[in-house]
Each structure stands twice: as structure tokens, then as C-alpha cells.
Amino acid sequence: MTLLRALLRRKTVAISLFYILIVVLAAVFAPWLAPYDPTEQFFEGLTIEGAPLPPNDEFMLGTDLLGRDLLSRIIYGARTSLIIGIVSNGIAVLIGTLVGVIAGFVRGWVGSLLMRLTDLMMAFPALLLAIALAAILRPSLWIVALVIAMVNWVQIARVIYSETISLASKDFVAVERTIGASARRILFSHLLPHLLPTILVWATLGISTTVLLEATLSFLGVGVQPPMPSWGNIIFESQTYFTSAMWLVLFPGLAIIALSLSFNLVGDALRDELDPTLKGRR
């Protein structure tokens, strides 16, 4: 509660948390909040010429090129973005933490092998690797989440590796080893509790990255596939109407930017509050 109060004292962070809460509630209660089925096509949702309708009394954010309600698709798209963001980032944090801790604590040839694997993964551009994997594995909701996790774990692995090496050289670890403490006790009783703030910060910041990467993959056509709505594929489907029906790109684009920025602001604030070296500089 003390941490939450410290975060809420910052206006930008409080606004970010409020927006994240709205997106989470929209995702959870999408069937009750969305005014229409996101895949339902309305004959009255198009003009006589077959063009999308702008925002109006019946369709608050307008309709898309198939006459579907844009607000409903954005609400359901929040569910897709959050599922992928949380699941893929959770997997990435788990893999990165395991690789970093094992490499930093065990050291030797095992640590060298794990870090060379990490370096190899970092040598590939994340977006290109994600596009290649998504194209090979035939994208779906869970495949996209797995693909994003497979290209996002390397950064946290590097950070956790450096933190583990630093902690392993501390006096309290040397004392534990002197009194005969097992590696399991040192790892779970001393190292992981000290690493928890770093893991928490990266878990928060990583959601921003995964949301953006999912939107990018969907925009490029190798992410979540229609008719399942995601913010990225809404923009992908509507890109030809950018000049004549700007709302089709504007509203989902703003949703992506706002969610990514919110998680970034919360993650930065968490880092400031949980990192004692940064707190001492303020």
C-alpha cells in the first residue's frame, strides 16, 4: 500500500493507472460493454456508396469498411492486446529470469553457453525474427503471444545476469556459503528476493513493448488474424481509408499509444521507487 500511495502521488502515474484500469475493465467486461457484436456487419453502417460512416448517434466511433461498429471492435481489441501483452511478457520474464539467474549464479561453461545463446538471439532484429516465426507458425492469438515472448526474453536475461553476478559477490552470500548453506537456499532466500524489484519493473515495462509489437505484427498481416479484432489489425484493414475515413486509424492508434505510454510511465515510476540508488539521487 505504501508503494501504491507513492505512485499515486505522481499525477501522470495516477492517470496512467486509471487508463490501464479502464482498459482492463473494458477487456474483462467486453461482452456487456460493447454495444454490438464486433464481427456483425450492418447494412446501415455504410453510406449509399459503400463507405464507412463517421462517428454518429448510433455508432459512437463510426463504422469500418465492412459496416462493423468501430467502438465494439476497439473494446474487444483491448482484450486481445492485454492477453498477448500479459501472457507473452510473462513468458519472456520467466525465461529471461531463469536464464539470467542460472548463468549468473552457476557461472562456468553453463553460464557462458547461456549468455552466448542470449547474444546470438540479440544479434537478430526482434521485429524481423518475430515476422519470420509468425509466418512459419501460422499466426493465432496464442502463437503470436509465444512468438513475441521468444524474441523479448533476451533483454531481461542480460539485466538479471548482471544483477545476479553483482549480488553473488556480496558479503552476505559469501557468509552463507561459509556456513554451508545450500545453493537452493542462497538462490531462493537471498538472490531472488533482491532481484524481485528488477523483475517487477521489467514485467511492467515489457507489457508496453509487447503491446506495440503485437500491433506491429497485426498491422503487417502476420499477427492476430481477422475476424478476431486487435488494435493492430483494425489499422491494417483500414489503412486504405486513412485519408477518407481517418477515424478508423485514429482511434485504435490512440488506444495503442495511450496504453503503451501508460505502462512505460508506471514502469519508470516503479523503478524510481524500488531502486535505492535512484531514490538517493532525487
C-alpha atoms as a PDB file:
ATOM      1  CA  MET A   1       0.000   0.000   0.000  1.00  0.00           C
ATOM      2  CA  THR A   2       2.919   2.341   0.703  1.00  0.00           C
ATOM      3  CA  LEU A   3       4.220   1.752  -2.827  1.00  0.00           C
ATOM      4  CA  LEU A   4       0.780   2.393  -4.317  1.00  0.00           C
ATOM      5  CA  ARG A   5       0.410   5.656  -2.395  1.00  0.00           C
ATOM      6  CA  ALA A   6       3.851   6.744  -3.597  1.00  0.00           C
ATOM      7  CA  LEU A   7       2.848   6.022  -7.187  1.00  0.00           C
ATOM      8  CA  LEU A   8      -0.500   7.798  -6.905  1.00  0.00           C
ATOM      9  CA  ARG A   9       1.221  10.959  -5.665  1.00  0.00           C
ATOM     10  CA  ARG A  10       2.513  11.406  -9.207  1.00  0.00           C
ATOM     11  CA  LYS A  11      -0.249  12.805 -11.387  1.00  0.00           C
ATOM     12  CA  THR A  12       0.981  11.264 -14.626  1.00  0.00           C
ATOM     13  CA  VAL A  13       1.286   7.834 -12.996  1.00  0.00           C
ATOM     14  CA  ALA A  14      -2.164   8.145 -11.398  1.00  0.00           C
ATOM     15  CA  ILE A  15      -3.671   8.987 -14.801  1.00  0.00           C
ATOM     16  CA  SER A  16      -1.773   6.079 -16.371  1.00  0.00           C
ATOM     17  CA  LEU A  17      -3.027   3.631 -13.744  1.00  0.00           C
ATOM     18  CA  PHE A  18      -6.562   4.914 -14.257  1.00  0.00           C
ATOM     19  CA  TYR A  19      -6.327   4.377 -18.020  1.00  0.00           C
ATOM     20  CA  ILE A  20      -4.873   0.877 -17.559  1.00  0.00           C
ATOM     21  CA  LEU A  21      -7.754   0.089 -15.191  1.00  0.00           C
ATOM     22  CA  ILE A  22     -10.269   1.284 -17.802  1.00  0.00           C
ATOM     23  CA  VAL A  23      -8.665  -0.908 -20.492  1.00  0.00           C
ATOM     24  CA  VAL A  24      -8.610  -3.928 -18.170  1.00  0.00           C
ATOM     25  CA  LEU A  25     -12.286  -3.459 -17.238  1.00  0.00           C
ATOM     26  CA  ALA A  26     -13.188  -2.993 -20.911  1.00  0.00           C
ATOM     27  CA  ALA A  27     -11.368  -6.213 -21.788  1.00  0.00           C
ATOM     28  CA  VAL A  28     -12.934  -8.231 -18.978  1.00  0.00           C
ATOM     29  CA  PHE A  29     -16.481  -6.933 -19.483  1.00  0.00           C
ATOM     30  CA  ALA A  30     -16.335  -6.560 -23.279  1.00  0.00           C
ATOM     31  CA  PRO A  31     -19.472  -8.684 -23.931  1.00  0.00           C
ATOM     32  CA  TRP A  32     -21.507  -6.333 -21.701  1.00  0.00           C
ATOM     33  CA  LEU A  33     -19.843  -3.033 -22.588  1.00  0.00           C
ATOM     34  CA  ALA A  34     -19.628  -3.366 -26.350  1.00  0.00           C
ATOM     35  CA  PRO A  35     -22.825  -2.039 -27.974  1.00  0.00           C
ATOM     36  CA  TYR A  36     -22.662  -4.603 -30.806  1.00  0.00           C
ATOM     37  CA  ASP A  37     -21.012  -7.854 -31.788  1.00  0.00           C
ATOM     38  CA  PRO A  38     -17.566  -6.874 -33.143  1.00  0.00           C
ATOM     39  CA  THR A  39     -17.972  -9.113 -36.208  1.00  0.00           C
ATOM     40  CA  GLU A  40     -21.548  -8.094 -37.063  1.00  0.00           C
ATOM     41  CA  GLN A  41     -21.866  -6.208 -40.344  1.00  0.00           C
ATOM     42  CA  PHE A  42     -24.618  -3.594 -40.542  1.00  0.00           C
ATOM     43  CA  PHE A  43     -26.198  -2.629 -43.843  1.00  0.00           C
ATOM     44  CA  GLU A  44     -26.983   0.761 -42.316  1.00  0.00           C
ATOM     45  CA  GLY A  45     -23.346   1.017 -41.209  1.00  0.00           C
ATOM     46  CA  LEU A  46     -22.268   2.079 -44.688  1.00  0.00           C
ATOM     47  CA  THR A  47     -23.171   5.020 -46.893  1.00  0.00           C
ATOM     48  CA  ILE A  48     -25.049   4.555 -50.151  1.00  0.00           C
ATOM     49  CA  GLU A  49     -21.670   4.464 -51.900  1.00  0.00           C
ATOM     50  CA  GLY A  50     -20.460   1.714 -49.534  1.00  0.00           C
ATOM     51  CA  ALA A  51     -18.102   3.912 -47.496  1.00  0.00           C
ATOM     52  CA  PRO A  52     -17.697   3.742 -43.685  1.00  0.00           C
ATOM     53  CA  LEU A  53     -19.817   6.053 -41.550  1.00  0.00           C
ATOM     54  CA  PRO A  54     -18.158   8.721 -39.370  1.00  0.00           C
ATOM     55  CA  PRO A  55     -18.976   8.917 -35.630  1.00  0.00           C
ATOM     56  CA  ASN A  56     -22.707   9.435 -35.128  1.00  0.00           C
ATOM     57  CA  ASP A  57     -25.536   8.851 -32.643  1.00  0.00           C
ATOM     58  CA  GLU A  58     -25.878   5.146 -33.490  1.00  0.00           C
ATOM     59  CA  PHE A  59     -22.180   4.319 -33.893  1.00  0.00           C
ATOM     60  CA  MET A  60     -20.207   6.455 -31.432  1.00  0.00           C
ATOM     61  CA  LEU A  61     -16.826   5.970 -33.132  1.00  0.00           C
ATOM     62  CA  GLY A  62     -18.185   5.312 -36.599  1.00  0.00           C
ATOM     63  CA  THR A  63     -18.027   2.107 -38.634  1.00  0.00           C
ATOM     64  CA  ASP A  64     -15.298   0.323 -40.577  1.00  0.00           C
ATOM     65  CA  LEU A  65     -15.121  -0.641 -44.236  1.00  0.00           C
ATOM     66  CA  LEU A  66     -17.453  -3.638 -43.668  1.00  0.00           C
ATOM     67  CA  GLY A  67     -20.055  -1.694 -41.690  1.00  0.00           C
ATOM     68  CA  ARG A  68     -18.952  -3.032 -38.295  1.00  0.00           C
ATOM     69  CA  ASP A  69     -19.115  -0.865 -35.175  1.00  0.00           C
ATOM     70  CA  LEU A  70     -15.638   0.513 -34.505  1.00  0.00           C
ATOM     71  CA  LEU A  71     -16.212   1.074 -30.766  1.00  0.00           C
ATOM     72  CA  SER A  72     -17.153  -2.578 -30.269  1.00  0.00           C
ATOM     73  CA  ARG A  73     -14.087  -3.728 -32.187  1.00  0.00           C
ATOM     74  CA  ILE A  74     -11.795  -1.476 -30.140  1.00  0.00           C
ATOM     75  CA  ILE A  75     -13.293  -2.769 -26.870  1.00  0.00           C
ATOM     76  CA  TYR A  76     -12.788  -6.391 -27.931  1.00  0.00           C
ATOM     77  CA  GLY A  77      -9.378  -5.451 -29.324  1.00  0.00           C
ATOM     78  CA  ALA A  78      -8.364  -4.362 -25.819  1.00  0.00           C
ATOM     79  CA  ARG A  79      -8.908  -7.947 -24.686  1.00  0.00           C
ATOM     80  CA  THR A  80      -6.616  -9.236 -27.441  1.00  0.00           C
ATOM     81  CA  SER A  81      -3.887  -6.692 -26.719  1.00  0.00           C
ATOM     82  CA  LEU A  82      -3.934  -7.317 -22.964  1.00  0.00           C
ATOM     83  CA  ILE A  83      -3.952 -11.111 -23.277  1.00  0.00           C
ATOM     84  CA  ILE A  84      -0.977 -11.040 -25.613  1.00  0.00           C
ATOM     85  CA  GLY A  85       0.771  -8.329 -23.597  1.00  0.00           C
ATOM     86  CA  ILE A  86       0.427 -10.107 -20.259  1.00  0.00           C
ATOM     87  CA  VAL A  87       0.932 -13.699 -21.453  1.00  0.00           C
ATOM     88  CA  SER A  88       3.848 -13.046 -23.803  1.00  0.00           C
ATOM     89  CA  ASN A  89       5.587 -10.710 -21.372  1.00  0.00           C
ATOM     90  CA  GLY A  90       5.032 -13.159 -18.508  1.00  0.00           C
ATOM     91  CA  ILE A  91       6.686 -15.939 -20.526  1.00  0.00           C
ATOM     92  CA  ALA A  92       9.522 -13.618 -21.583  1.00  0.00           C
ATOM     93  CA  VAL A  93      10.172 -12.518 -17.983  1.00  0.00           C
ATOM     94  CA  LEU A  94      10.133 -16.140 -16.781  1.00  0.00           C
ATOM     95  CA  ILE A  95      12.570 -17.318 -19.463  1.00  0.00           C
ATOM     96  CA  GLY A  96      14.807 -14.273 -19.080  1.00  0.00           C
ATOM     97  CA  THR A  97      14.899 -14.575 -15.287  1.00  0.00           C
ATOM     98  CA  LEU A  98      15.746 -18.287 -15.381  1.00  0.00           C
ATOM     99  CA  VAL A  99      18.484 -17.825 -17.976  1.00  0.00           C
ATOM    100  CA  GLY A 100      19.951 -14.779 -16.220  1.00  0.00           C
ATOM    101  CA  VAL A 101      19.897 -16.272 -12.720  1.00  0.00           C
ATOM    102  CA  ILE A 102      21.332 -19.634 -13.772  1.00  0.00           C
ATOM    103  CA  ALA A 103      24.054 -18.035 -15.896  1.00  0.00           C
ATOM    104  CA  GLY A 104      24.994 -15.524 -13.208  1.00  0.00           C
ATOM    105  CA  PHE A 105      24.854 -17.923 -10.259  1.00  0.00           C
ATOM    106  CA  VAL A 106      26.273 -21.138 -11.742  1.00  0.00           C
ATOM    107  CA  ARG A 107      28.817 -19.385 -13.977  1.00  0.00           C
ATOM    108  CA  GLY A 108      31.385 -21.659 -15.672  1.00  0.00           C
ATOM    109  CA  TRP A 109      30.638 -23.242 -19.041  1.00  0.00           C
ATOM    110  CA  VAL A 110      26.911 -23.304 -18.294  1.00  0.00           C
ATOM    111  CA  GLY A 111      26.788 -19.536 -17.801  1.00  0.00           C
ATOM    112  CA  SER A 112      28.961 -18.940 -20.855  1.00  0.00           C
ATOM    113  CA  LEU A 113      26.743 -21.138 -23.018  1.00  0.00           C
ATOM    114  CA  LEU A 114      23.552 -19.419 -21.868  1.00  0.00           C
ATOM    115  CA  MET A 115      24.994 -15.951 -22.415  1.00  0.00           C
ATOM    116  CA  ARG A 116      26.318 -16.835 -25.884  1.00  0.00           C
ATOM    117  CA  LEU A 117      22.819 -18.063 -26.737  1.00  0.00           C
ATOM    118  CA  THR A 118      21.448 -14.769 -25.449  1.00  0.00           C
ATOM    119  CA  ASP A 119      23.976 -12.828 -27.539  1.00  0.00           C
ATOM    120  CA  LEU A 120      23.001 -14.867 -30.580  1.00  0.00           C
ATOM    121  CA  MET A 121      19.326 -14.029 -30.080  1.00  0.00           C
ATOM    122  CA  MET A 122      20.166 -10.348 -29.595  1.00  0.00           C
ATOM    123  CA  ALA A 123      22.033 -10.335 -32.911  1.00  0.00           C
ATOM    124  CA  PHE A 124      18.768 -10.875 -34.804  1.00  0.00           C
ATOM    125  CA  PRO A 125      16.450  -7.852 -35.220  1.00  0.00           C
ATOM    126  CA  ALA A 126      13.491  -8.643 -32.970  1.00  0.00           C
ATOM    127  CA  LEU A 127      10.846  -7.498 -35.438  1.00  0.00           C
ATOM    128  CA  LEU A 128      12.264  -9.461 -38.375  1.00  0.00           C
ATOM    129  CA  LEU A 129      12.638 -12.577 -36.238  1.00  0.00           C
ATOM    130  CA  ALA A 130       9.062 -12.208 -34.963  1.00  0.00           C
ATOM    131  CA  ILE A 131       7.742 -11.782 -38.519  1.00  0.00           C
ATOM    132  CA  ALA A 132       9.619 -14.890 -39.674  1.00  0.00           C
ATOM    133  CA  LEU A 133       8.415 -17.022 -36.751  1.00  0.00           C
ATOM    134  CA  ALA A 134       4.823 -15.786 -37.051  1.00  0.00           C
ATOM    135  CA  ALA A 135       4.780 -16.512 -40.783  1.00  0.00           C
ATOM    136  CA  ILE A 136       6.132 -20.046 -40.264  1.00  0.00           C
ATOM    137  CA  LEU A 137       3.841 -20.952 -37.346  1.00  0.00           C
ATOM    138  CA  ARG A 138       0.581 -19.652 -38.896  1.00  0.00           C
ATOM    139  CA  PRO A 139      -0.404 -16.831 -36.540  1.00  0.00           C
ATOM    140  CA  SER A 140      -3.184 -17.086 -33.977  1.00  0.00           C
ATOM    141  CA  LEU A 141      -3.706 -15.402 -30.618  1.00  0.00           C
ATOM    142  CA  TRP A 142      -1.534 -17.826 -28.642  1.00  0.00           C
ATOM    143  CA  ILE A 143       1.056 -18.311 -31.385  1.00  0.00           C
ATOM    144  CA  VAL A 144       1.553 -14.546 -31.593  1.00  0.00           C
ATOM    145  CA  ALA A 145       1.961 -14.395 -27.792  1.00  0.00           C
ATOM    146  CA  LEU A 146       4.558 -17.195 -27.928  1.00  0.00           C
ATOM    147  CA  VAL A 147       6.436 -15.583 -30.820  1.00  0.00           C
ATOM    148  CA  ILE A 148       6.652 -12.239 -29.026  1.00  0.00           C
ATOM    149  CA  ALA A 149       7.875 -13.981 -25.865  1.00  0.00           C
ATOM    150  CA  MET A 150      10.606 -15.782 -27.823  1.00  0.00           C
ATOM    151  CA  VAL A 151      12.081 -12.512 -29.096  1.00  0.00           C
ATOM    152  CA  ASN A 152      11.634 -10.459 -25.906  1.00  0.00           C
ATOM    153  CA  TRP A 153      13.327 -12.518 -23.196  1.00  0.00           C
ATOM    154  CA  VAL A 154      16.903 -11.596 -24.094  1.00  0.00           C
ATOM    155  CA  GLN A 155      16.904  -8.083 -22.627  1.00  0.00           C
ATOM    156  CA  ILE A 156      15.750  -9.134 -19.179  1.00  0.00           C
ATOM    157  CA  ALA A 157      18.125 -12.118 -19.266  1.00  0.00           C
ATOM    158  CA  ARG A 158      21.046  -9.722 -19.709  1.00  0.00           C
ATOM    159  CA  VAL A 159      19.846  -7.429 -16.903  1.00  0.00           C
ATOM    160  CA  ILE A 160      19.191 -10.292 -14.466  1.00  0.00           C
ATOM    161  CA  TYR A 161      22.563 -11.854 -15.343  1.00  0.00           C
ATOM    162  CA  SER A 162      24.405  -8.654 -14.415  1.00  0.00           C
ATOM    163  CA  GLU A 163      22.374  -8.220 -11.217  1.00  0.00           C
ATOM    164  CA  THR A 164      22.967 -11.841 -10.182  1.00  0.00           C
ATOM    165  CA  ILE A 165      26.730 -11.575 -10.674  1.00  0.00           C
ATOM    166  CA  SER A 166      26.765  -8.396  -8.583  1.00  0.00           C
ATOM    167  CA  LEU A 167      24.694  -9.953  -5.798  1.00  0.00           C
ATOM    168  CA  ALA A 168      26.682 -13.197  -5.805  1.00  0.00           C
ATOM    169  CA  SER A 169      29.827 -11.227  -4.955  1.00  0.00           C
ATOM    170  CA  LYS A 170      28.269  -9.593  -1.876  1.00  0.00           C
ATOM    171  CA  ASP A 171      29.431 -10.406   1.637  1.00  0.00           C
ATOM    172  CA  PHE A 172      26.123 -11.906   2.772  1.00  0.00           C
ATOM    173  CA  VAL A 173      26.362 -14.553   0.012  1.00  0.00           C
ATOM    174  CA  ALA A 174      29.959 -15.328   0.999  1.00  0.00           C
ATOM    175  CA  VAL A 175      28.864 -15.746   4.629  1.00  0.00           C
ATOM    176  CA  GLU A 176      26.057 -18.106   3.613  1.00  0.00           C
ATOM    177  CA  ARG A 177      28.496 -20.225   1.639  1.00  0.00           C
ATOM    178  CA  THR A 178      30.922 -20.255   4.562  1.00  0.00           C
ATOM    179  CA  ILE A 179      28.319 -21.665   6.949  1.00  0.00           C
ATOM    180  CA  GLY A 180      27.438 -24.359   4.422  1.00  0.00           C
ATOM    181  CA  ALA A 181      24.159 -23.018   3.047  1.00  0.00           C
ATOM    182  CA  SER A 182      22.940 -24.899   0.000  1.00  0.00           C
ATOM    183  CA  ALA A 183      22.793 -23.305  -3.426  1.00  0.00           C
ATOM    184  CA  ARG A 184      19.000 -23.613  -3.306  1.00  0.00           C
ATOM    185  CA  ARG A 185      18.822 -21.670  -0.025  1.00  0.00           C
ATOM    186  CA  ILE A 186      21.113 -18.918  -1.317  1.00  0.00           C
ATOM    187  CA  LEU A 187      19.160 -18.665  -4.543  1.00  0.00           C
ATOM    188  CA  PHE A 188      15.643 -18.590  -3.121  1.00  0.00           C
ATOM    189  CA  SER A 189      16.289 -16.890   0.235  1.00  0.00           C
ATOM    190  CA  HIS A 190      18.751 -14.228  -0.824  1.00  0.00           C
ATOM    191  CA  LEU A 191      19.206 -13.713  -4.552  1.00  0.00           C
ATOM    192  CA  LEU A 192      15.628 -13.882  -5.847  1.00  0.00           C
ATOM    193  CA  PRO A 193      14.195 -11.526  -3.160  1.00  0.00           C
ATOM    194  CA  HIS A 194      16.830  -8.951  -4.117  1.00  0.00           C
ATOM    195  CA  LEU A 195      16.063  -9.453  -7.813  1.00  0.00           C
ATOM    196  CA  LEU A 196      12.301  -9.110  -7.346  1.00  0.00           C
ATOM    197  CA  PRO A 197      12.176  -5.287  -7.773  1.00  0.00           C
ATOM    198  CA  THR A 198      14.089  -5.531 -11.060  1.00  0.00           C
ATOM    199  CA  ILE A 199      11.816  -8.334 -12.273  1.00  0.00           C
ATOM    200  CA  LEU A 200       8.722  -6.326 -11.325  1.00  0.00           C
ATOM    201  CA  VAL A 201       9.936  -3.230 -13.190  1.00  0.00           C
ATOM    202  CA  TRP A 202      10.787  -5.187 -16.317  1.00  0.00           C
ATOM    203  CA  ALA A 203       7.486  -7.060 -16.145  1.00  0.00           C
ATOM    204  CA  THR A 204       5.673  -3.713 -16.237  1.00  0.00           C
ATOM    205  CA  LEU A 205       7.825  -2.057 -18.883  1.00  0.00           C
ATOM    206  CA  GLY A 206       7.744  -5.180 -21.048  1.00  0.00           C
ATOM    207  CA  ILE A 207       3.970  -5.059 -21.475  1.00  0.00           C
ATOM    208  CA  SER A 208       4.388  -1.776 -23.332  1.00  0.00           C
ATOM    209  CA  THR A 209       6.850  -3.412 -25.737  1.00  0.00           C
ATOM    210  CA  THR A 210       4.674  -6.454 -26.326  1.00  0.00           C
ATOM    211  CA  VAL A 211       1.554  -4.360 -26.998  1.00  0.00           C
ATOM    212  CA  LEU A 212       3.453  -2.352 -29.612  1.00  0.00           C
ATOM    213  CA  LEU A 213       4.985  -5.472 -31.165  1.00  0.00           C
ATOM    214  CA  GLU A 214       1.602  -7.204 -31.371  1.00  0.00           C
ATOM    215  CA  ALA A 215       0.122  -4.146 -33.048  1.00  0.00           C
ATOM    216  CA  THR A 216       3.033  -4.052 -35.488  1.00  0.00           C
ATOM    217  CA  LEU A 217       2.714  -7.740 -36.379  1.00  0.00           C
ATOM    218  CA  SER A 218      -1.051  -7.431 -36.824  1.00  0.00           C
ATOM    219  CA  PHE A 219      -0.580  -4.314 -38.961  1.00  0.00           C
ATOM    220  CA  LEU A 220       1.861  -6.253 -41.165  1.00  0.00           C
ATOM    221  CA  GLY A 221      -0.642  -9.092 -41.519  1.00  0.00           C
ATOM    222  CA  VAL A 222       1.274 -11.748 -39.550  1.00  0.00           C
ATOM    223  CA  GLY A 223      -0.309 -11.093 -36.154  1.00  0.00           C
ATOM    224  CA  VAL A 224      -3.799 -11.836 -34.873  1.00  0.00           C
ATOM    225  CA  GLN A 225      -5.928 -12.709 -37.866  1.00  0.00           C
ATOM    226  CA  PRO A 226      -9.398 -11.331 -38.709  1.00  0.00           C
ATOM    227  CA  PRO A 227     -12.205 -11.585 -37.817  1.00  0.00           C
ATOM    228  CA  MET A 228     -10.759 -11.543 -34.271  1.00  0.00           C
ATOM    229  CA  PRO A 229     -10.266  -7.831 -33.592  1.00  0.00           C
ATOM    230  CA  SER A 230      -6.994  -6.390 -32.370  1.00  0.00           C
ATOM    231  CA  TRP A 231      -5.939  -2.768 -32.436  1.00  0.00           C
ATOM    232  CA  GLY A 232      -3.212  -3.573 -34.931  1.00  0.00           C
ATOM    233  CA  ASN A 233      -5.346  -5.433 -37.461  1.00  0.00           C
ATOM    234  CA  ILE A 234      -8.074  -2.753 -37.238  1.00  0.00           C
ATOM    235  CA  ILE A 235      -5.490  -0.281 -38.530  1.00  0.00           C
ATOM    236  CA  PHE A 236      -4.229  -2.832 -41.083  1.00  0.00           C
ATOM    237  CA  GLU A 237      -7.695  -3.375 -42.514  1.00  0.00           C
ATOM    238  CA  SER A 238      -8.403   0.362 -42.640  1.00  0.00           C
ATOM    239  CA  GLN A 239      -5.120   1.724 -43.993  1.00  0.00           C
ATOM    240  CA  THR A 240      -6.577   2.394 -47.470  1.00  0.00           C
ATOM    241  CA  TYR A 241      -9.169   4.677 -45.852  1.00  0.00           C
ATOM    242  CA  PHE A 242      -6.610   6.781 -43.974  1.00  0.00           C
ATOM    243  CA  THR A 243      -7.413   9.985 -45.860  1.00  0.00           C
ATOM    244  CA  SER A 244     -11.152   9.494 -46.362  1.00  0.00           C
ATOM    245  CA  ALA A 245     -12.055   7.857 -43.015  1.00  0.00           C
ATOM    246  CA  MET A 246      -9.348   8.959 -40.589  1.00  0.00           C
ATOM    247  CA  TRP A 247     -11.284   7.770 -37.519  1.00  0.00           C
ATOM    248  CA  LEU A 248     -10.601   4.146 -38.479  1.00  0.00           C
ATOM    249  CA  VAL A 249      -6.879   4.685 -37.867  1.00  0.00           C
ATOM    250  CA  LEU A 250      -7.023   7.498 -35.311  1.00  0.00           C
ATOM    251  CA  PHE A 251      -8.999   5.807 -32.526  1.00  0.00           C
ATOM    252  CA  PRO A 252      -7.186   2.419 -32.408  1.00  0.00           C
ATOM    253  CA  GLY A 253      -3.867   4.241 -32.870  1.00  0.00           C
ATOM    254  CA  LEU A 254      -4.574   6.479 -29.874  1.00  0.00           C
ATOM    255  CA  ALA A 255      -5.560   3.417 -27.823  1.00  0.00           C
ATOM    256  CA  ILE A 256      -2.220   1.720 -28.619  1.00  0.00           C
ATOM    257  CA  ILE A 257      -0.167   4.831 -27.860  1.00  0.00           C
ATOM    258  CA  ALA A 258      -2.015   5.580 -24.618  1.00  0.00           C
ATOM    259  CA  LEU A 259      -1.690   2.009 -23.288  1.00  0.00           C
ATOM    260  CA  SER A 260       1.995   1.732 -24.157  1.00  0.00           C
ATOM    261  CA  LEU A 261       2.760   5.137 -22.665  1.00  0.00           C
ATOM    262  CA  SER A 262       0.808   4.292 -19.505  1.00  0.00           C
ATOM    263  CA  PHE A 263       2.768   1.097 -18.860  1.00  0.00           C
ATOM    264  CA  ASN A 264       6.022   2.922 -19.572  1.00  0.00           C
ATOM    265  CA  LEU A 265       5.209   5.668 -17.069  1.00  0.00           C
ATOM    266  CA  VAL A 266       4.175   3.148 -14.403  1.00  0.00           C
ATOM    267  CA  GLY A 267       7.305   1.078 -15.036  1.00  0.00           C
ATOM    268  CA  ASP A 268       9.572   4.125 -14.764  1.00  0.00           C
ATOM    269  CA  ALA A 269       7.874   5.157 -11.537  1.00  0.00           C
ATOM    270  CA  LEU A 270       8.282   1.645 -10.106  1.00  0.00           C
ATOM    271  CA  ARG A 271      11.971   1.719 -10.972  1.00  0.00           C
ATOM    272  CA  ASP A 272      12.377   5.064  -9.226  1.00  0.00           C
ATOM    273  CA  GLU A 273      10.611   3.819  -6.089  1.00  0.00           C
ATOM    274  CA  LEU A 274      12.213   0.364  -5.902  1.00  0.00           C
ATOM    275  CA  ASP A 275      15.788   1.229  -6.896  1.00  0.00           C
ATOM    276  CA  PRO A 276      17.525   2.679  -3.803  1.00  0.00           C
ATOM    277  CA  THR A 277      20.334   4.207  -5.882  1.00  0.00           C
ATOM    278  CA  LEU A 278      17.836   6.242  -7.908  1.00  0.00           C
ATOM    279  CA  LYS A 279      15.877   7.275  -4.796  1.00  0.00           C
ATOM    280  CA  GLY A 280      19.048   8.634  -3.289  1.00  0.00           C
ATOM    281  CA  ARG A 281      19.663  10.909  -6.255  1.00  0.00           C
ATOM    282  CA  ARG A 282      16.276  12.648  -6.163  1.00  0.00           C
END
